[in-house]
N, C-alpha and C. Protein backbone atom coordinates (compact mmCIF):
# COMPACT_ATOMS: atom_id res chain seq x y z
N MET A 1 0.85 -1.20 0.00
CA MET A 1 0.00 0.00 0.00
C MET A 1 0.88 1.24 0.00
N THR A 2 0.50 2.20 -0.82
CA THR A 2 1.29 3.42 -0.95
C THR A 2 0.70 4.53 -0.11
N SER A 3 1.56 5.27 0.59
CA SER A 3 1.09 6.42 1.35
C SER A 3 1.00 7.61 0.42
N LEU A 4 -0.22 8.13 0.26
CA LEU A 4 -0.45 9.25 -0.63
C LEU A 4 -0.92 10.45 0.17
N ALA A 5 -0.24 11.57 0.04
CA ALA A 5 -0.70 12.79 0.70
C ALA A 5 -1.93 13.31 -0.03
N PRO A 6 -2.76 14.10 0.66
CA PRO A 6 -3.86 14.74 -0.05
C PRO A 6 -3.32 15.54 -1.23
N CYS A 7 -4.14 15.65 -2.30
CA CYS A 7 -3.70 16.34 -3.50
C CYS A 7 -3.12 17.70 -3.14
N PRO A 8 -1.89 18.03 -3.58
CA PRO A 8 -1.31 19.33 -3.25
C PRO A 8 -2.12 20.48 -3.83
N CYS A 9 -2.71 20.24 -5.02
CA CYS A 9 -3.58 21.24 -5.64
C CYS A 9 -4.86 20.53 -6.06
N PRO A 10 -5.76 20.27 -5.11
CA PRO A 10 -6.96 19.50 -5.44
C PRO A 10 -7.81 20.22 -6.46
N PRO A 11 -8.56 19.47 -7.26
CA PRO A 11 -9.37 20.07 -8.31
C PRO A 11 -10.52 20.89 -7.74
N PRO A 12 -11.14 21.72 -8.59
CA PRO A 12 -12.27 22.52 -8.12
C PRO A 12 -13.42 21.65 -7.64
N VAL A 13 -14.28 22.23 -6.83
CA VAL A 13 -15.45 21.53 -6.34
C VAL A 13 -16.44 21.36 -7.50
N PRO A 14 -16.92 20.14 -7.76
CA PRO A 14 -17.90 19.97 -8.84
C PRO A 14 -19.16 20.79 -8.57
N PRO A 15 -19.79 21.32 -9.61
CA PRO A 15 -21.00 22.13 -9.40
C PRO A 15 -22.16 21.32 -8.84
N VAL A 16 -22.20 20.04 -9.16
CA VAL A 16 -23.24 19.15 -8.64
C VAL A 16 -22.56 17.93 -8.04
N LEU A 17 -22.88 17.61 -6.79
CA LEU A 17 -22.26 16.48 -6.12
C LEU A 17 -23.13 15.23 -6.27
N PRO A 18 -22.51 14.06 -6.38
CA PRO A 18 -23.28 12.83 -6.44
C PRO A 18 -23.86 12.48 -5.08
N PRO A 19 -24.73 11.49 -5.01
CA PRO A 19 -25.29 11.08 -3.73
C PRO A 19 -24.21 10.60 -2.76
N ALA A 20 -24.57 10.55 -1.49
CA ALA A 20 -23.61 10.18 -0.45
C ALA A 20 -23.00 8.80 -0.71
N ALA A 21 -23.81 7.85 -1.18
CA ALA A 21 -23.29 6.50 -1.42
C ALA A 21 -22.18 6.51 -2.46
N GLU A 22 -22.36 7.32 -3.51
CA GLU A 22 -21.32 7.40 -4.55
C GLU A 22 -20.09 8.13 -4.04
N VAL A 23 -20.29 9.20 -3.27
CA VAL A 23 -19.14 9.88 -2.66
C VAL A 23 -18.36 8.88 -1.80
N GLY A 24 -19.08 8.09 -1.01
CA GLY A 24 -18.42 7.10 -0.17
C GLY A 24 -17.68 6.05 -0.97
N SER A 25 -18.27 5.58 -2.06
CA SER A 25 -17.61 4.57 -2.88
C SER A 25 -16.34 5.11 -3.52
N ARG A 26 -16.39 6.35 -3.98
CA ARG A 26 -15.19 6.94 -4.59
C ARG A 26 -14.10 7.15 -3.54
N LEU A 27 -14.50 7.57 -2.35
CA LEU A 27 -13.52 7.71 -1.27
C LEU A 27 -12.96 6.36 -0.87
N GLU A 28 -13.79 5.34 -0.85
CA GLU A 28 -13.32 4.00 -0.50
C GLU A 28 -12.22 3.54 -1.44
N THR A 29 -12.41 3.79 -2.73
CA THR A 29 -11.39 3.42 -3.72
C THR A 29 -10.09 4.18 -3.48
N LEU A 30 -10.21 5.47 -3.21
CA LEU A 30 -9.01 6.28 -2.98
C LEU A 30 -8.32 5.88 -1.68
N LEU A 31 -9.09 5.70 -0.62
CA LEU A 31 -8.49 5.39 0.69
C LEU A 31 -7.86 4.00 0.72
N ALA A 32 -8.37 3.09 -0.12
CA ALA A 32 -7.79 1.74 -0.17
C ALA A 32 -6.37 1.78 -0.73
N ARG A 33 -6.05 2.81 -1.50
CA ARG A 33 -4.70 2.95 -2.08
C ARG A 33 -3.79 3.83 -1.23
N ARG A 34 -4.29 4.30 -0.11
CA ARG A 34 -3.58 5.29 0.69
C ARG A 34 -3.40 4.80 2.12
N ALA A 35 -2.17 4.74 2.58
CA ALA A 35 -1.90 4.35 3.96
C ALA A 35 -2.06 5.57 4.86
N ALA A 36 -3.01 5.50 5.77
CA ALA A 36 -3.24 6.62 6.67
C ALA A 36 -2.05 6.79 7.62
N ALA A 37 -1.74 8.03 7.96
CA ALA A 37 -0.67 8.32 8.91
C ALA A 37 -1.12 7.92 10.31
N ILE A 38 -0.31 7.10 10.97
CA ILE A 38 -0.64 6.59 12.30
C ILE A 38 0.33 7.19 13.31
N MET A 39 -0.20 7.79 14.36
CA MET A 39 0.62 8.38 15.42
C MET A 39 0.81 7.39 16.56
N ARG A 40 2.02 7.35 17.09
CA ARG A 40 2.32 6.52 18.26
C ARG A 40 2.56 7.44 19.45
N GLY A 41 2.53 6.86 20.63
CA GLY A 41 2.82 7.65 21.82
C GLY A 41 1.89 7.28 22.95
N ARG A 42 2.06 7.97 24.05
CA ARG A 42 1.30 7.66 25.26
C ARG A 42 0.02 8.47 25.40
N SER A 43 -0.28 9.30 24.43
CA SER A 43 -1.52 10.08 24.48
C SER A 43 -2.73 9.15 24.50
N ARG A 44 -3.79 9.61 25.11
CA ARG A 44 -5.04 8.85 25.08
C ARG A 44 -5.58 8.80 23.66
N ARG A 45 -6.37 7.76 23.36
CA ARG A 45 -6.85 7.53 22.00
C ARG A 45 -8.34 7.83 21.91
N ALA A 46 -8.74 8.30 20.74
CA ALA A 46 -10.15 8.60 20.48
C ALA A 46 -10.46 8.26 19.03
N GLY A 47 -11.73 7.97 18.76
CA GLY A 47 -12.19 7.72 17.40
C GLY A 47 -13.37 8.62 17.08
N VAL A 48 -13.41 9.16 15.87
CA VAL A 48 -14.53 10.00 15.44
C VAL A 48 -15.03 9.52 14.09
N LEU A 49 -16.27 9.91 13.78
CA LEU A 49 -16.93 9.45 12.56
C LEU A 49 -17.34 10.62 11.69
N ILE A 50 -16.92 10.58 10.42
CA ILE A 50 -17.45 11.48 9.40
C ILE A 50 -18.59 10.72 8.74
N ALA A 51 -19.82 11.03 9.12
CA ALA A 51 -20.99 10.29 8.67
C ALA A 51 -21.63 11.00 7.48
N LEU A 52 -21.62 10.36 6.32
CA LEU A 52 -22.21 10.91 5.11
C LEU A 52 -23.61 10.33 4.89
N TYR A 53 -24.52 11.17 4.47
CA TYR A 53 -25.90 10.74 4.21
C TYR A 53 -26.55 11.75 3.28
N ASP A 54 -27.68 11.39 2.71
CA ASP A 54 -28.40 12.28 1.81
C ASP A 54 -29.55 12.95 2.53
N HIS A 55 -29.68 14.25 2.28
CA HIS A 55 -30.80 15.03 2.79
C HIS A 55 -31.24 15.96 1.67
N ARG A 56 -32.50 15.86 1.29
CA ARG A 56 -33.03 16.63 0.17
C ARG A 56 -32.19 16.42 -1.09
N ARG A 57 -31.82 15.17 -1.30
CA ARG A 57 -31.10 14.71 -2.50
C ARG A 57 -29.69 15.27 -2.62
N THR A 58 -29.14 15.75 -1.55
CA THR A 58 -27.75 16.21 -1.57
C THR A 58 -26.99 15.60 -0.40
N PRO A 59 -25.68 15.31 -0.59
CA PRO A 59 -24.90 14.69 0.49
C PRO A 59 -24.61 15.67 1.61
N HIS A 60 -24.71 15.18 2.82
CA HIS A 60 -24.45 15.95 4.03
C HIS A 60 -23.50 15.17 4.93
N LEU A 61 -22.99 15.85 5.96
CA LEU A 61 -22.26 15.19 7.04
C LEU A 61 -22.68 15.80 8.36
N VAL A 62 -22.36 15.10 9.45
CA VAL A 62 -22.80 15.50 10.79
C VAL A 62 -21.65 16.12 11.57
N LEU A 63 -21.91 17.29 12.15
CA LEU A 63 -21.01 17.88 13.14
C LEU A 63 -21.85 18.16 14.39
N THR A 64 -21.18 18.37 15.51
CA THR A 64 -21.87 18.72 16.75
C THR A 64 -21.17 19.90 17.42
N ARG A 65 -21.94 20.65 18.18
CA ARG A 65 -21.33 21.60 19.10
C ARG A 65 -21.45 21.02 20.49
N ARG A 66 -20.30 20.84 21.12
CA ARG A 66 -20.25 20.19 22.42
C ARG A 66 -20.82 21.10 23.51
N ALA A 67 -21.40 20.48 24.52
CA ALA A 67 -21.96 21.24 25.63
C ALA A 67 -20.87 22.03 26.34
N GLU A 68 -21.20 23.21 26.79
CA GLU A 68 -20.24 24.07 27.48
C GLU A 68 -19.73 23.43 28.77
N THR A 69 -20.50 22.54 29.35
CA THR A 69 -20.15 21.96 30.65
C THR A 69 -19.14 20.82 30.57
N LEU A 70 -18.81 20.37 29.36
CA LEU A 70 -17.88 19.26 29.24
C LEU A 70 -16.46 19.68 29.64
N PRO A 71 -15.69 18.77 30.26
CA PRO A 71 -14.35 19.15 30.74
C PRO A 71 -13.34 19.43 29.64
N HIS A 72 -13.51 18.82 28.47
CA HIS A 72 -12.58 19.02 27.35
C HIS A 72 -13.33 19.57 26.15
N HIS A 73 -12.81 20.67 25.59
CA HIS A 73 -13.33 21.24 24.35
C HIS A 73 -14.80 21.63 24.45
N GLY A 74 -15.23 22.06 25.63
CA GLY A 74 -16.61 22.50 25.81
C GLY A 74 -16.94 23.67 24.89
N GLY A 75 -18.10 23.61 24.24
CA GLY A 75 -18.55 24.66 23.35
C GLY A 75 -17.97 24.62 21.96
N GLN A 76 -17.04 23.73 21.71
CA GLN A 76 -16.41 23.67 20.39
C GLN A 76 -17.19 22.74 19.46
N VAL A 77 -17.01 22.96 18.15
CA VAL A 77 -17.62 22.10 17.15
C VAL A 77 -16.72 20.90 16.91
N ALA A 78 -17.33 19.73 16.84
CA ALA A 78 -16.56 18.49 16.72
C ALA A 78 -17.31 17.50 15.83
N LEU A 79 -16.61 16.46 15.47
CA LEU A 79 -17.24 15.31 14.82
C LEU A 79 -17.78 14.38 15.89
N PRO A 80 -18.84 13.63 15.61
CA PRO A 80 -19.31 12.64 16.57
C PRO A 80 -18.19 11.64 16.90
N GLY A 81 -18.00 11.36 18.17
CA GLY A 81 -16.94 10.44 18.57
C GLY A 81 -16.46 10.73 19.96
N GLY A 82 -15.46 10.00 20.39
CA GLY A 82 -14.95 10.20 21.73
C GLY A 82 -13.85 9.24 22.09
N ARG A 83 -13.60 9.14 23.38
CA ARG A 83 -12.46 8.41 23.92
C ARG A 83 -12.64 6.90 23.81
N TRP A 84 -11.55 6.22 23.48
CA TRP A 84 -11.53 4.76 23.45
C TRP A 84 -11.83 4.21 24.84
N ASP A 85 -12.64 3.16 24.87
CA ASP A 85 -12.99 2.48 26.10
C ASP A 85 -12.43 1.06 26.04
N ALA A 86 -12.08 0.52 27.19
CA ALA A 86 -11.48 -0.82 27.25
C ALA A 86 -12.39 -1.89 26.65
N GLY A 87 -13.68 -1.63 26.61
CA GLY A 87 -14.60 -2.60 26.03
C GLY A 87 -14.73 -2.51 24.52
N ASP A 88 -14.11 -1.51 23.90
CA ASP A 88 -14.18 -1.35 22.45
C ASP A 88 -13.23 -2.30 21.74
N ALA A 89 -13.69 -2.88 20.65
CA ALA A 89 -12.85 -3.78 19.87
C ALA A 89 -11.71 -3.05 19.18
N GLY A 90 -11.85 -1.77 18.98
CA GLY A 90 -10.82 -0.94 18.34
C GLY A 90 -11.35 0.46 18.21
N LEU A 91 -10.57 1.33 17.57
CA LEU A 91 -10.98 2.73 17.45
C LEU A 91 -12.15 2.91 16.49
N ARG A 92 -12.27 2.03 15.52
CA ARG A 92 -13.46 2.07 14.66
C ARG A 92 -14.71 1.81 15.50
N ALA A 93 -14.64 0.83 16.38
CA ALA A 93 -15.77 0.55 17.27
C ALA A 93 -16.04 1.72 18.20
N THR A 94 -14.97 2.38 18.63
CA THR A 94 -15.13 3.57 19.48
C THR A 94 -15.91 4.65 18.74
N ALA A 95 -15.51 4.93 17.50
CA ALA A 95 -16.18 5.98 16.73
C ALA A 95 -17.66 5.67 16.54
N LEU A 96 -17.98 4.41 16.24
CA LEU A 96 -19.37 4.03 16.02
C LEU A 96 -20.17 4.08 17.32
N ARG A 97 -19.58 3.59 18.40
CA ARG A 97 -20.28 3.61 19.70
C ARG A 97 -20.57 5.04 20.13
N GLU A 98 -19.56 5.90 20.04
CA GLU A 98 -19.73 7.27 20.50
C GLU A 98 -20.71 8.04 19.61
N ALA A 99 -20.69 7.79 18.30
CA ALA A 99 -21.64 8.45 17.41
C ALA A 99 -23.07 8.05 17.76
N HIS A 100 -23.24 6.79 18.16
CA HIS A 100 -24.57 6.35 18.58
C HIS A 100 -24.97 7.02 19.89
N GLU A 101 -24.04 7.07 20.83
CA GLU A 101 -24.35 7.66 22.13
C GLU A 101 -24.60 9.17 22.03
N GLU A 102 -23.88 9.86 21.15
CA GLU A 102 -23.97 11.31 21.08
C GLU A 102 -25.15 11.80 20.25
N VAL A 103 -25.36 11.18 19.07
CA VAL A 103 -26.38 11.73 18.16
C VAL A 103 -27.34 10.67 17.63
N GLY A 104 -27.25 9.42 18.10
CA GLY A 104 -28.23 8.40 17.73
C GLY A 104 -27.98 7.64 16.45
N ILE A 105 -26.78 7.72 15.89
CA ILE A 105 -26.47 6.95 14.67
C ILE A 105 -26.29 5.48 15.05
N GLU A 106 -27.11 4.61 14.47
CA GLU A 106 -27.01 3.18 14.75
C GLU A 106 -25.79 2.60 14.03
N PRO A 107 -24.90 1.92 14.76
CA PRO A 107 -23.71 1.36 14.11
C PRO A 107 -24.02 0.44 12.94
N ALA A 108 -25.12 -0.32 13.05
CA ALA A 108 -25.46 -1.25 11.98
C ALA A 108 -25.85 -0.54 10.69
N GLN A 109 -26.16 0.76 10.77
CA GLN A 109 -26.56 1.53 9.60
C GLN A 109 -25.39 2.22 8.91
N VAL A 110 -24.18 2.00 9.42
CA VAL A 110 -23.00 2.70 8.89
C VAL A 110 -22.12 1.73 8.10
N ARG A 111 -21.83 2.10 6.86
CA ARG A 111 -20.82 1.36 6.08
C ARG A 111 -19.53 2.18 6.12
N VAL A 112 -18.57 1.68 6.88
CA VAL A 112 -17.29 2.40 7.01
C VAL A 112 -16.48 2.17 5.74
N VAL A 113 -16.05 3.26 5.09
CA VAL A 113 -15.34 3.14 3.82
C VAL A 113 -13.84 3.37 3.95
N GLY A 114 -13.39 3.78 5.11
CA GLY A 114 -11.95 3.96 5.30
C GLY A 114 -11.64 4.87 6.47
N ARG A 115 -10.35 5.02 6.71
CA ARG A 115 -9.89 5.89 7.80
C ARG A 115 -8.97 6.96 7.25
N LEU A 116 -8.87 8.04 8.00
CA LEU A 116 -7.99 9.14 7.62
C LEU A 116 -6.80 9.19 8.57
N ASP A 117 -5.94 10.18 8.36
CA ASP A 117 -4.74 10.34 9.19
C ASP A 117 -5.10 10.64 10.64
N ASP A 118 -4.32 10.09 11.56
CA ASP A 118 -4.46 10.45 12.97
C ASP A 118 -4.13 11.94 13.15
N VAL A 119 -4.81 12.55 14.11
CA VAL A 119 -4.61 13.96 14.45
C VAL A 119 -4.44 14.07 15.96
N HIS A 120 -3.49 14.88 16.40
CA HIS A 120 -3.27 15.06 17.84
C HIS A 120 -3.99 16.31 18.31
N ALA A 121 -4.89 16.14 19.28
CA ALA A 121 -5.57 17.28 19.91
C ALA A 121 -4.73 17.69 21.11
N ARG A 122 -4.05 18.82 21.00
CA ARG A 122 -3.08 19.21 22.01
C ARG A 122 -3.73 19.53 23.36
N GLY A 123 -4.89 20.21 23.32
CA GLY A 123 -5.51 20.64 24.56
C GLY A 123 -5.85 19.51 25.50
N SER A 124 -6.38 18.41 24.94
CA SER A 124 -6.77 17.26 25.76
C SER A 124 -5.77 16.11 25.66
N ASP A 125 -4.72 16.27 24.86
CA ASP A 125 -3.70 15.24 24.65
C ASP A 125 -4.33 13.91 24.22
N HIS A 126 -5.15 13.97 23.18
CA HIS A 126 -5.72 12.77 22.57
C HIS A 126 -5.19 12.63 21.14
N ILE A 127 -4.92 11.41 20.74
CA ILE A 127 -4.69 11.10 19.33
C ILE A 127 -6.01 10.62 18.77
N ILE A 128 -6.52 11.35 17.77
CA ILE A 128 -7.84 11.08 17.22
C ILE A 128 -7.70 10.35 15.89
N THR A 129 -8.43 9.24 15.75
CA THR A 129 -8.46 8.50 14.50
C THR A 129 -9.82 8.71 13.85
N PRO A 130 -9.87 9.34 12.67
CA PRO A 130 -11.16 9.59 12.00
C PRO A 130 -11.50 8.46 11.03
N TYR A 131 -12.78 8.10 11.01
CA TYR A 131 -13.31 7.11 10.06
C TYR A 131 -14.39 7.78 9.23
N VAL A 132 -14.47 7.37 7.96
CA VAL A 132 -15.50 7.88 7.06
C VAL A 132 -16.53 6.77 6.86
N GLY A 133 -17.80 7.11 7.03
CA GLY A 133 -18.85 6.12 6.86
C GLY A 133 -20.04 6.70 6.11
N VAL A 134 -20.82 5.81 5.49
CA VAL A 134 -22.02 6.21 4.77
C VAL A 134 -23.22 5.57 5.46
N LEU A 135 -24.23 6.38 5.76
CA LEU A 135 -25.42 5.87 6.42
C LEU A 135 -26.33 5.18 5.40
N ALA A 136 -26.94 4.08 5.83
CA ALA A 136 -27.80 3.31 4.94
C ALA A 136 -29.12 4.01 4.65
N GLY A 137 -29.50 4.94 5.51
CA GLY A 137 -30.76 5.66 5.33
C GLY A 137 -30.62 7.09 5.77
N PRO A 138 -31.73 7.77 5.99
CA PRO A 138 -31.66 9.17 6.43
C PRO A 138 -31.11 9.29 7.84
N PHE A 139 -30.59 10.46 8.14
CA PHE A 139 -30.10 10.74 9.48
C PHE A 139 -31.19 11.43 10.28
N VAL A 140 -31.50 10.84 11.43
CA VAL A 140 -32.46 11.45 12.36
C VAL A 140 -31.72 11.67 13.67
N ALA A 141 -31.46 12.91 14.00
CA ALA A 141 -30.65 13.22 15.17
C ALA A 141 -31.40 12.90 16.45
N VAL A 142 -30.71 12.17 17.34
CA VAL A 142 -31.20 11.91 18.70
C VAL A 142 -30.07 12.33 19.63
N PRO A 143 -29.94 13.63 19.88
CA PRO A 143 -28.77 14.11 20.63
C PRO A 143 -28.83 13.78 22.11
N ASN A 144 -27.67 13.49 22.66
CA ASN A 144 -27.50 13.35 24.10
C ASN A 144 -27.27 14.76 24.65
N HIS A 145 -28.29 15.34 25.26
CA HIS A 145 -28.22 16.75 25.64
C HIS A 145 -27.23 17.01 26.77
N GLY A 146 -26.77 15.96 27.43
CA GLY A 146 -25.73 16.15 28.43
C GLY A 146 -24.37 16.41 27.81
N GLU A 147 -24.21 16.03 26.53
CA GLU A 147 -22.94 16.20 25.84
C GLU A 147 -23.02 17.12 24.63
N ILE A 148 -24.18 17.19 24.01
CA ILE A 148 -24.32 17.87 22.72
C ILE A 148 -25.28 19.05 22.85
N ALA A 149 -24.77 20.25 22.53
CA ALA A 149 -25.61 21.44 22.56
C ALA A 149 -26.33 21.67 21.24
N ARG A 150 -25.74 21.22 20.14
CA ARG A 150 -26.33 21.43 18.83
C ARG A 150 -25.83 20.38 17.86
N VAL A 151 -26.72 19.88 17.02
CA VAL A 151 -26.35 18.98 15.93
C VAL A 151 -26.40 19.77 14.63
N LEU A 152 -25.31 19.71 13.87
CA LEU A 152 -25.21 20.44 12.61
C LEU A 152 -25.28 19.45 11.45
N GLU A 153 -26.25 19.64 10.57
CA GLU A 153 -26.34 18.84 9.35
C GLU A 153 -25.77 19.70 8.22
N VAL A 154 -24.52 19.43 7.88
CA VAL A 154 -23.76 20.30 6.99
C VAL A 154 -23.78 19.76 5.55
N PRO A 155 -24.27 20.54 4.59
CA PRO A 155 -24.15 20.10 3.19
C PRO A 155 -22.68 19.91 2.81
N LEU A 156 -22.39 18.78 2.21
CA LEU A 156 -21.00 18.52 1.81
C LEU A 156 -20.48 19.60 0.87
N GLY A 157 -21.35 20.11 0.01
CA GLY A 157 -20.92 21.16 -0.90
C GLY A 157 -20.47 22.42 -0.16
N ASP A 158 -21.13 22.74 0.96
CA ASP A 158 -20.72 23.90 1.75
C ASP A 158 -19.33 23.70 2.34
N LEU A 159 -19.08 22.49 2.83
CA LEU A 159 -17.75 22.20 3.39
C LEU A 159 -16.68 22.32 2.32
N LEU A 160 -16.92 21.73 1.16
CA LEU A 160 -15.91 21.75 0.10
C LEU A 160 -15.69 23.17 -0.43
N ALA A 161 -16.76 23.95 -0.51
CA ALA A 161 -16.62 25.34 -0.96
C ALA A 161 -15.80 26.15 0.05
N ALA A 162 -16.05 25.92 1.34
CA ALA A 162 -15.28 26.63 2.37
C ALA A 162 -13.81 26.20 2.32
N ASP A 163 -13.58 24.93 2.07
CA ASP A 163 -12.20 24.43 2.00
C ASP A 163 -11.44 25.08 0.85
N ALA A 164 -12.13 25.31 -0.26
CA ALA A 164 -11.47 25.89 -1.44
C ALA A 164 -10.98 27.31 -1.17
N LEU A 165 -11.51 27.96 -0.14
CA LEU A 165 -11.12 29.34 0.18
C LEU A 165 -9.98 29.40 1.20
N ILE A 166 -9.62 28.26 1.78
CA ILE A 166 -8.54 28.23 2.77
C ILE A 166 -7.19 28.24 2.05
N PRO A 167 -6.20 28.97 2.54
CA PRO A 167 -4.88 29.00 1.89
C PRO A 167 -4.29 27.60 1.75
N PRO A 168 -3.44 27.39 0.74
CA PRO A 168 -2.83 26.08 0.55
C PRO A 168 -2.04 25.58 1.76
N GLU A 169 -1.39 26.48 2.45
CA GLU A 169 -0.62 26.12 3.65
C GLU A 169 -1.14 26.94 4.83
N PRO A 170 -2.29 26.55 5.38
CA PRO A 170 -2.90 27.37 6.43
C PRO A 170 -2.18 27.25 7.76
N ASN A 171 -2.35 28.28 8.59
CA ASN A 171 -1.87 28.20 9.97
C ASN A 171 -3.07 28.06 10.89
N VAL A 172 -2.81 28.11 12.20
CA VAL A 172 -3.89 27.89 13.16
C VAL A 172 -4.99 28.95 13.04
N TRP A 173 -4.66 30.12 12.52
CA TRP A 173 -5.64 31.20 12.40
C TRP A 173 -6.44 31.11 11.11
N THR A 174 -5.86 30.56 10.06
CA THR A 174 -6.54 30.52 8.77
C THR A 174 -7.19 29.18 8.46
N LEU A 175 -6.88 28.14 9.26
CA LEU A 175 -7.53 26.85 9.05
C LEU A 175 -8.82 26.81 9.88
N ARG A 176 -9.84 27.46 9.33
CA ARG A 176 -11.12 27.57 10.02
C ARG A 176 -12.24 27.44 8.98
N TYR A 177 -13.30 26.77 9.37
CA TYR A 177 -14.45 26.56 8.48
C TYR A 177 -15.68 27.25 9.06
N PRO A 178 -16.21 28.28 8.39
CA PRO A 178 -17.47 28.88 8.83
C PRO A 178 -18.64 28.06 8.28
N LEU A 179 -19.29 27.30 9.14
CA LEU A 179 -20.34 26.39 8.70
C LEU A 179 -21.58 26.55 9.58
N LEU A 180 -22.70 26.86 8.95
CA LEU A 180 -23.99 26.99 9.64
C LEU A 180 -23.89 27.91 10.85
N GLY A 181 -23.15 29.01 10.69
CA GLY A 181 -23.03 29.97 11.76
C GLY A 181 -22.03 29.62 12.85
N GLU A 182 -21.30 28.53 12.68
CA GLU A 182 -20.31 28.10 13.67
C GLU A 182 -18.90 28.28 13.11
N ASP A 183 -17.94 28.43 14.00
CA ASP A 183 -16.53 28.54 13.65
C ASP A 183 -15.86 27.21 13.98
N VAL A 184 -15.45 26.47 12.95
CA VAL A 184 -14.87 25.15 13.14
C VAL A 184 -13.35 25.27 13.01
N TRP A 185 -12.62 24.94 14.06
CA TRP A 185 -11.18 25.11 14.06
C TRP A 185 -10.54 23.96 14.83
N GLY A 186 -9.22 24.05 15.05
CA GLY A 186 -8.51 23.06 15.85
C GLY A 186 -8.41 21.70 15.19
N ALA A 187 -8.44 20.65 16.02
CA ALA A 187 -8.28 19.29 15.51
C ALA A 187 -9.37 18.92 14.52
N THR A 188 -10.60 19.37 14.77
CA THR A 188 -11.69 19.07 13.84
C THR A 188 -11.43 19.69 12.48
N ALA A 189 -10.94 20.91 12.45
CA ALA A 189 -10.62 21.56 11.17
C ALA A 189 -9.51 20.82 10.45
N ARG A 190 -8.53 20.32 11.18
CA ARG A 190 -7.45 19.58 10.53
C ARG A 190 -7.96 18.28 9.92
N ILE A 191 -8.88 17.61 10.59
CA ILE A 191 -9.49 16.40 10.03
C ILE A 191 -10.30 16.75 8.79
N LEU A 192 -11.10 17.81 8.87
CA LEU A 192 -11.93 18.20 7.74
C LEU A 192 -11.09 18.66 6.55
N ARG A 193 -9.91 19.22 6.83
CA ARG A 193 -9.01 19.63 5.74
C ARG A 193 -8.58 18.41 4.93
N THR A 194 -8.11 17.38 5.61
CA THR A 194 -7.71 16.16 4.90
C THR A 194 -8.89 15.54 4.18
N PHE A 195 -10.02 15.45 4.87
CA PHE A 195 -11.22 14.85 4.27
C PHE A 195 -11.66 15.63 3.03
N SER A 196 -11.68 16.95 3.12
CA SER A 196 -12.16 17.77 2.01
C SER A 196 -11.27 17.62 0.79
N ARG A 197 -9.97 17.65 1.00
CA ARG A 197 -9.05 17.57 -0.14
C ARG A 197 -9.09 16.19 -0.78
N LEU A 198 -9.19 15.15 0.04
CA LEU A 198 -9.30 13.80 -0.52
C LEU A 198 -10.62 13.63 -1.25
N THR A 199 -11.68 14.21 -0.72
CA THR A 199 -12.98 14.11 -1.38
C THR A 199 -12.96 14.82 -2.73
N ARG A 200 -12.35 15.99 -2.78
CA ARG A 200 -12.25 16.70 -4.06
C ARG A 200 -11.46 15.88 -5.08
N CYS A 201 -10.41 15.21 -4.63
CA CYS A 201 -9.63 14.35 -5.52
C CYS A 201 -10.47 13.14 -5.97
N ALA A 202 -11.18 12.53 -5.01
CA ALA A 202 -11.97 11.34 -5.33
C ALA A 202 -13.08 11.66 -6.34
N LEU A 203 -13.70 12.81 -6.18
CA LEU A 203 -14.80 13.18 -7.08
C LEU A 203 -14.31 13.53 -8.48
N SER A 204 -13.04 13.87 -8.60
CA SER A 204 -12.51 14.23 -9.92
C SER A 204 -11.98 13.02 -10.68
N ALA A 205 -11.85 11.88 -9.97
CA ALA A 205 -11.29 10.68 -10.61
C ALA A 205 -12.26 10.14 -11.65
N ALA A 206 -11.70 9.64 -12.73
CA ALA A 206 -12.55 9.09 -13.79
C ALA A 206 -13.19 7.80 -13.34
C-alpha cells in the first residue's frame, strides 16, 4: 500500500455532487490505495466518525457543538466520537459507539469506507483517528443533551466550498471553516481539511 498525501492542488469543487453512497464509494477506492498516517505515543486515544448521508437529495455530514459543561473542548464544534474504552474492539468501534451515544447513529446503519490520518488534539492530549462512513438511510438526530448542545447537518458542498477558500498552507488562524453559523477550528478543522481535499480528488477521478 502506498502512502499518498492529499492532492497538493486539489481540483475545483464539482457544481453538482453525487449522492452520499457514490461519494463514499469513490472515497473508499481512494483510501484503499492510501496508507493513513498513524501516530504513536502515550496520548489517550479517540475515534470520530465522518458520517455521510443524503438530505433533500444532496450529500451531508454531521457535526456537533459540544456542551459548554464538558471538561474538554466545551462549546467547540466536533465530529461525533470520543475516547476509546477498554470494552471497544478498536478505534473504529469507538467511533461508532460514540456516534450512537452522542447523536443516535445506529452502528449497523453505517458502512465504514476507510480511515484518515491520525490527528493530535493538544488541549486534551488525545490522538484522534477519524473514520468515514455512509449511512444506509436518512439521518435522524437523537442528541444526548448532556454532551451535545447542537447537531449540525452540513451540506457537503458547503464544506468543500469553504475548504477551497482556505490557503494552501494554512496556519492555526486561517484553518477555520465557517459552517452553519459556527466557527470550526482546531483538531476538527485539521481532520476536515484532509477529508475535504481527498474528497475533491476522489470526485474528480474518472
